[in-house]
Amino acid sequence: MHALETNNVNLVLKWITDEQEQKIVPLFNKTYNLKNGDKEVYTLVEKHFLETLVRLHRETEGASYSGLKPAGTTKQIIQMTDKALDEGNVDDFLTKLNSHINKVIQEKYQKVSELNKVKDNSEEQGRAFVAAYVDYTHTVEALHDVMEHDGNHSGH
């Protein structure tokens, strides 16, 4: 972690609130002070610091914390957004994202459209239609809600 490598706690403060700084700054300092000591102890303390930082950040999102994820387990979509930021180019990402959204919506629409023609033929086909309809409309509604709001994870 660059902040610990450079002894610059300010690099992590953006991920937490002002109130949470009271917990992180002392823990950061304790962690940094152990950096050149026993490697095993430092590894444990560094992990505790990272877990605390991520837990506090998740609190700011109104989300639960389920522990640190192993490296490389970030969702592909987030890897793509990070790549766009690193490269300073959002166009390729948007092309891929829009293509994927179009594919998903078209598939869900096609399924509900086909079931719409036979929904009254039997209870089984009617229920299949309702399930497909709910899936289709909820997907479109969720996309719309994300676009209409400010993107706040907690929904405030």
C-alpha atoms as a PDB file:
ATOM      1  CA  MET A   1       0.000   0.000   0.000  1.00  0.00           C
ATOM      2  CA  HIS A   2       1.457   3.276  -1.167  1.00  0.00           C
ATOM      3  CA  ALA A   3       0.341   5.209   1.928  1.00  0.00           C
ATOM      4  CA  LEU A   4       2.298   2.883   4.236  1.00  0.00           C
ATOM      5  CA  GLU A   5       5.274   2.759   1.866  1.00  0.00           C
ATOM      6  CA  THR A   6       5.531   6.558   1.930  1.00  0.00           C
ATOM      7  CA  ASN A   7       4.248   7.181   5.493  1.00  0.00           C
ATOM      8  CA  ASN A   8       1.466   9.384   4.108  1.00  0.00           C
ATOM      9  CA  VAL A   9      -1.851   8.753   5.860  1.00  0.00           C
ATOM     10  CA  ASN A  10      -3.443  11.501   3.765  1.00  0.00           C
ATOM     11  CA  LEU A  11      -3.533   9.091   0.820  1.00  0.00           C
ATOM     12  CA  VAL A  12      -6.199   6.956   2.552  1.00  0.00           C
ATOM     13  CA  LEU A  13      -8.278   9.634   4.264  1.00  0.00           C
ATOM     14  CA  LYS A  14     -10.367  10.279   1.138  1.00  0.00           C
ATOM     15  CA  TRP A  15     -11.984   6.861   1.599  1.00  0.00           C
ATOM     16  CA  ILE A  16     -13.420   7.685   5.047  1.00  0.00           C
ATOM     17  CA  THR A  17     -15.252  10.456   6.904  1.00  0.00           C
ATOM     18  CA  ASP A  18     -13.727  13.103   9.158  1.00  0.00           C
ATOM     19  CA  GLU A  19     -15.081  11.282  12.221  1.00  0.00           C
ATOM     20  CA  GLN A  20     -13.490   8.011  11.123  1.00  0.00           C
ATOM     21  CA  GLU A  21     -10.066   9.666  10.884  1.00  0.00           C
ATOM     22  CA  GLN A  22      -9.854   9.458  14.675  1.00  0.00           C
ATOM     23  CA  LYS A  23      -9.715   5.663  14.352  1.00  0.00           C
ATOM     24  CA  ILE A  24      -7.532   5.401  11.257  1.00  0.00           C
ATOM     25  CA  VAL A  25      -4.741   7.917  11.919  1.00  0.00           C
ATOM     26  CA  PRO A  26      -3.536   6.328  15.204  1.00  0.00           C
ATOM     27  CA  LEU A  27      -3.838   2.840  13.687  1.00  0.00           C
ATOM     28  CA  PHE A  28      -1.920   3.980  10.607  1.00  0.00           C
ATOM     29  CA  ASN A  29       0.858   5.405  12.791  1.00  0.00           C
ATOM     30  CA  LYS A  30       1.093   2.213  14.882  1.00  0.00           C
ATOM     31  CA  THR A  31       1.187   0.145  11.710  1.00  0.00           C
ATOM     32  CA  TYR A  32       3.856   2.298  10.066  1.00  0.00           C
ATOM     33  CA  ASN A  33       6.003   2.230  13.225  1.00  0.00           C
ATOM     34  CA  LEU A  34       6.102  -1.584  13.021  1.00  0.00           C
ATOM     35  CA  LYS A  35       7.057  -1.585   9.341  1.00  0.00           C
ATOM     36  CA  ASN A  36      10.765  -2.233   9.876  1.00  0.00           C
ATOM     37  CA  GLY A  37      10.311  -4.688  12.720  1.00  0.00           C
ATOM     38  CA  ASP A  38       9.309  -8.347  12.696  1.00  0.00           C
ATOM     39  CA  LYS A  39       7.847  -9.079   9.230  1.00  0.00           C
ATOM     40  CA  GLU A  40       5.275 -11.534  10.589  1.00  0.00           C
ATOM     41  CA  VAL A  41       3.983  -9.034  13.137  1.00  0.00           C
ATOM     42  CA  TYR A  42       3.933  -6.258  10.529  1.00  0.00           C
ATOM     43  CA  THR A  43       1.963  -8.415   8.095  1.00  0.00           C
ATOM     44  CA  LEU A  44      -0.697  -9.048  10.748  1.00  0.00           C
ATOM     45  CA  VAL A  45      -0.884  -5.403  11.800  1.00  0.00           C
ATOM     46  CA  GLU A  46      -0.961  -4.218   8.179  1.00  0.00           C
ATOM     47  CA  LYS A  47      -3.839  -6.615   7.446  1.00  0.00           C
ATOM     48  CA  HIS A  48      -5.710  -5.305  10.512  1.00  0.00           C
ATOM     49  CA  PHE A  49      -5.173  -1.724   9.299  1.00  0.00           C
ATOM     50  CA  LEU A  50      -6.452  -2.563   5.793  1.00  0.00           C
ATOM     51  CA  GLU A  51      -9.467  -4.437   7.180  1.00  0.00           C
ATOM     52  CA  THR A  52     -10.307  -1.487   9.419  1.00  0.00           C
ATOM     53  CA  LEU A  53      -9.953   0.982   6.551  1.00  0.00           C
ATOM     54  CA  VAL A  54     -12.177  -1.085   4.235  1.00  0.00           C
ATOM     55  CA  ARG A  55     -14.754  -1.658   6.996  1.00  0.00           C
ATOM     56  CA  LEU A  56     -14.949   2.076   7.714  1.00  0.00           C
ATOM     57  CA  HIS A  57     -15.215   2.886   4.007  1.00  0.00           C
ATOM     58  CA  ARG A  58     -18.028   0.347   3.622  1.00  0.00           C
ATOM     59  CA  GLU A  59     -19.827   2.087   6.508  1.00  0.00           C
ATOM     60  CA  THR A  60     -19.708   5.368   4.536  1.00  0.00           C
ATOM     61  CA  GLU A  61     -21.490   3.529   1.698  1.00  0.00           C
ATOM     62  CA  GLY A  62     -24.102   2.146   4.062  1.00  0.00           C
ATOM     63  CA  ALA A  63     -22.902  -1.334   3.137  1.00  0.00           C
ATOM     64  CA  SER A  64     -21.896  -4.301   5.229  1.00  0.00           C
ATOM     65  CA  TYR A  65     -18.315  -5.482   5.520  1.00  0.00           C
ATOM     66  CA  SER A  66     -17.499  -9.090   4.749  1.00  0.00           C
ATOM     67  CA  GLY A  67     -13.713  -9.032   4.968  1.00  0.00           C
ATOM     68  CA  LEU A  68     -10.894  -8.329   2.561  1.00  0.00           C
ATOM     69  CA  LYS A  69     -11.162 -10.004  -0.811  1.00  0.00           C
ATOM     70  CA  PRO A  70      -8.161 -11.796  -2.312  1.00  0.00           C
ATOM     71  CA  ALA A  71      -6.244  -9.887  -4.981  1.00  0.00           C
ATOM     72  CA  GLY A  72      -7.735 -10.359  -8.434  1.00  0.00           C
ATOM     73  CA  THR A  73     -11.282 -11.046  -7.227  1.00  0.00           C
ATOM     74  CA  THR A  74     -12.641  -7.606  -8.085  1.00  0.00           C
ATOM     75  CA  LYS A  75     -15.677  -7.846 -10.352  1.00  0.00           C
ATOM     76  CA  GLN A  76     -14.758  -7.618 -14.026  1.00  0.00           C
ATOM     77  CA  ILE A  77     -16.902  -4.505 -14.493  1.00  0.00           C
ATOM     78  CA  ILE A  78     -14.903  -2.676 -11.792  1.00  0.00           C
ATOM     79  CA  GLN A  79     -11.642  -3.828 -13.375  1.00  0.00           C
ATOM     80  CA  MET A  80     -12.919  -2.306 -16.620  1.00  0.00           C
ATOM     81  CA  THR A  81     -13.813   1.012 -14.958  1.00  0.00           C
ATOM     82  CA  ASP A  82     -10.392   1.144 -13.307  1.00  0.00           C
ATOM     83  CA  LYS A  83      -8.692   0.412 -16.649  1.00  0.00           C
ATOM     84  CA  ALA A  84     -10.623   3.285 -18.265  1.00  0.00           C
ATOM     85  CA  LEU A  85      -9.443   5.610 -15.486  1.00  0.00           C
ATOM     86  CA  ASP A  86      -5.841   4.409 -15.759  1.00  0.00           C
ATOM     87  CA  GLU A  87      -5.840   4.876 -19.542  1.00  0.00           C
ATOM     88  CA  GLY A  88      -7.774   8.146 -19.415  1.00  0.00           C
ATOM     89  CA  ASN A  89     -10.234   6.809 -21.994  1.00  0.00           C
ATOM     90  CA  VAL A  90     -13.833   5.928 -21.239  1.00  0.00           C
ATOM     91  CA  ASP A  91     -14.919   5.342 -24.867  1.00  0.00           C
ATOM     92  CA  ASP A  92     -13.882   1.670 -25.121  1.00  0.00           C
ATOM     93  CA  PHE A  93     -15.464   0.940 -21.755  1.00  0.00           C
ATOM     94  CA  LEU A  94     -18.730   2.631 -22.763  1.00  0.00           C
ATOM     95  CA  THR A  95     -18.845   0.693 -26.026  1.00  0.00           C
ATOM     96  CA  LYS A  96     -18.460  -2.612 -24.166  1.00  0.00           C
ATOM     97  CA  LEU A  97     -20.899  -1.616 -21.403  1.00  0.00           C
ATOM     98  CA  ASN A  98     -23.562  -0.389 -23.821  1.00  0.00           C
ATOM     99  CA  SER A  99     -23.177  -3.508 -25.938  1.00  0.00           C
ATOM    100  CA  HIS A 100     -23.634  -5.694 -22.854  1.00  0.00           C
ATOM    101  CA  ILE A 101     -26.660  -3.731 -21.612  1.00  0.00           C
ATOM    102  CA  ASN A 102     -28.245  -3.920 -25.083  1.00  0.00           C
ATOM    103  CA  LYS A 103     -27.662  -7.677 -25.234  1.00  0.00           C
ATOM    104  CA  VAL A 104     -29.170  -8.286 -21.779  1.00  0.00           C
ATOM    105  CA  ILE A 105     -32.244  -6.114 -22.409  1.00  0.00           C
ATOM    106  CA  GLN A 106     -32.820  -7.645 -25.852  1.00  0.00           C
ATOM    107  CA  GLU A 107     -32.602 -11.185 -24.444  1.00  0.00           C
ATOM    108  CA  LYS A 108     -35.018 -10.410 -21.609  1.00  0.00           C
ATOM    109  CA  TYR A 109     -37.378  -8.602 -23.987  1.00  0.00           C
ATOM    110  CA  GLN A 110     -37.310 -11.479 -26.478  1.00  0.00           C
ATOM    111  CA  LYS A 111     -38.125 -14.001 -23.747  1.00  0.00           C
ATOM    112  CA  VAL A 112     -41.067 -12.002 -22.337  1.00  0.00           C
ATOM    113  CA  SER A 113     -42.311 -11.177 -25.836  1.00  0.00           C
ATOM    114  CA  GLU A 114     -42.439 -14.843 -26.838  1.00  0.00           C
ATOM    115  CA  LEU A 115     -44.132 -15.842 -23.572  1.00  0.00           C
ATOM    116  CA  ASN A 116     -46.623 -12.979 -23.967  1.00  0.00           C
ATOM    117  CA  LYS A 117     -48.070 -14.812 -27.009  1.00  0.00           C
ATOM    118  CA  VAL A 118     -48.817 -17.986 -25.014  1.00  0.00           C
ATOM    119  CA  LYS A 119     -49.380 -16.658 -21.479  1.00  0.00           C
ATOM    120  CA  ASP A 120     -53.081 -17.556 -21.492  1.00  0.00           C
ATOM    121  CA  ASN A 121     -52.633 -21.105 -22.816  1.00  0.00           C
ATOM    122  CA  SER A 122     -51.846 -22.669 -19.429  1.00  0.00           C
ATOM    123  CA  GLU A 123     -50.984 -21.821 -15.831  1.00  0.00           C
ATOM    124  CA  GLU A 124     -47.408 -22.964 -16.457  1.00  0.00           C
ATOM    125  CA  GLN A 125     -46.978 -20.653 -19.455  1.00  0.00           C
ATOM    126  CA  GLY A 126     -48.738 -17.847 -17.606  1.00  0.00           C
ATOM    127  CA  ARG A 127     -46.369 -18.159 -14.645  1.00  0.00           C
ATOM    128  CA  ALA A 128     -43.375 -18.323 -16.978  1.00  0.00           C
ATOM    129  CA  PHE A 129     -44.602 -15.100 -18.600  1.00  0.00           C
ATOM    130  CA  VAL A 130     -45.028 -13.369 -15.239  1.00  0.00           C
ATOM    131  CA  ALA A 131     -41.524 -14.428 -14.113  1.00  0.00           C
ATOM    132  CA  ALA A 132     -39.989 -13.204 -17.383  1.00  0.00           C
ATOM    133  CA  TYR A 133     -42.028  -9.983 -17.270  1.00  0.00           C
ATOM    134  CA  VAL A 134     -40.949  -9.226 -13.706  1.00  0.00           C
ATOM    135  CA  ASP A 135     -37.294  -9.975 -14.562  1.00  0.00           C
ATOM    136  CA  TYR A 136     -37.445  -7.755 -17.670  1.00  0.00           C
ATOM    137  CA  THR A 137     -39.215  -4.796 -16.037  1.00  0.00           C
ATOM    138  CA  HIS A 138     -37.159  -4.944 -12.840  1.00  0.00           C
ATOM    139  CA  THR A 139     -33.937  -4.943 -14.863  1.00  0.00           C
ATOM    140  CA  VAL A 140     -35.027  -1.894 -16.866  1.00  0.00           C
ATOM    141  CA  GLU A 141     -36.310  -0.172 -13.723  1.00  0.00           C
ATOM    142  CA  ALA A 142     -33.033  -0.794 -11.865  1.00  0.00           C
ATOM    143  CA  LEU A 143     -31.029   0.667 -14.758  1.00  0.00           C
ATOM    144  CA  HIS A 144     -33.347   3.668 -14.880  1.00  0.00           C
ATOM    145  CA  ASP A 145     -33.114   4.208 -11.110  1.00  0.00           C
ATOM    146  CA  VAL A 146     -29.309   4.205 -11.258  1.00  0.00           C
ATOM    147  CA  MET A 147     -29.345   6.753 -14.079  1.00  0.00           C
ATOM    148  CA  GLU A 148     -31.876   9.000 -12.318  1.00  0.00           C
ATOM    149  CA  HIS A 149     -30.080   9.140  -8.967  1.00  0.00           C
ATOM    150  CA  ASP A 150     -26.706  10.425  -7.840  1.00  0.00           C
ATOM    151  CA  GLY A 151     -25.104   6.984  -7.572  1.00  0.00           C
ATOM    152  CA  ASN A 152     -24.969   7.014  -3.774  1.00  0.00           C
ATOM    153  CA  HIS A 153     -24.574   3.392  -2.653  1.00  0.00           C
ATOM    154  CA  SER A 154     -26.804   3.800   0.365  1.00  0.00           C
ATOM    155  CA  GLY A 155     -29.703   5.232  -1.624  1.00  0.00           C
ATOM    156  CA  HIS A 156     -29.898   8.521   0.311  1.00  0.00           C
END
